[in-house]
Amino acid sequence: MVSLTALWLPILLSAVAVFVASSIIHMALPWHSKDFKKFPSEDGVLDAVRPFNLPPGQYVAPLPESMAQMNSPEFKAKAERGPRLMMNVLSPSSSMGRNLVLWFVYGIVIGVFAAYVATLTLGPGAPYMTVFRVTSTVAFAAYALALWHNVIWYSSGLGATVRSTIDGLIYGLLTGGVFGWLWP
């Protein structure tokens, strides 16, 4: 059995590979340039929302307080009148550096889970392709599969989700490649 601590190098290097690949995908390629829609009157929307001084978080409107209210004629009329809205309010002082550090830590966490599953299923000297298949599958699942519930429940764009799923496939393949290369 391979111990999790024996896999610290592939965990770390797979996070580095994913970090570099995601940086190239998001900064050098126009791949995600159409993921978000621009408001027809951006300044008007921002001016309308600004007086509410909303703290960072996720908001939805209309939002019923209970199932009973959700089924009331008043709530149904409000929802039908529209718009139905879901939005994330970001901190005006959010730091790209902080987000990049958290993204790298997230890559390490996914590497740890891929390593954990691999230690349960593979022994020392396992063939490259076997290590690759196990770890890339776990990493792909972690990076990509949870994106699809946003399409189902929150009207996220199908194109953006497909592109992010392809990103997740790339990240999974990189993770699997690093683990296969460095497997003890």
Foldseek 3Di string as FASTA:
>chain_A
DDDLVLCLVLLLVLLVVLLVLVCCCPPVDCLCVPQDDADPDNVVVCVVCVVVVDDFDKDWPPDDPDPVRCPDPVNVVRVVVDDTDIDTDDDPPDDPVVVSVVSSVLSSVLLSVLSVQCVVPDDAPPALVVQLVSSLVSQLCSQADVLVVCVVPPVRDPSNNVSSSVSSSVSSNSSSNSCSVSGD
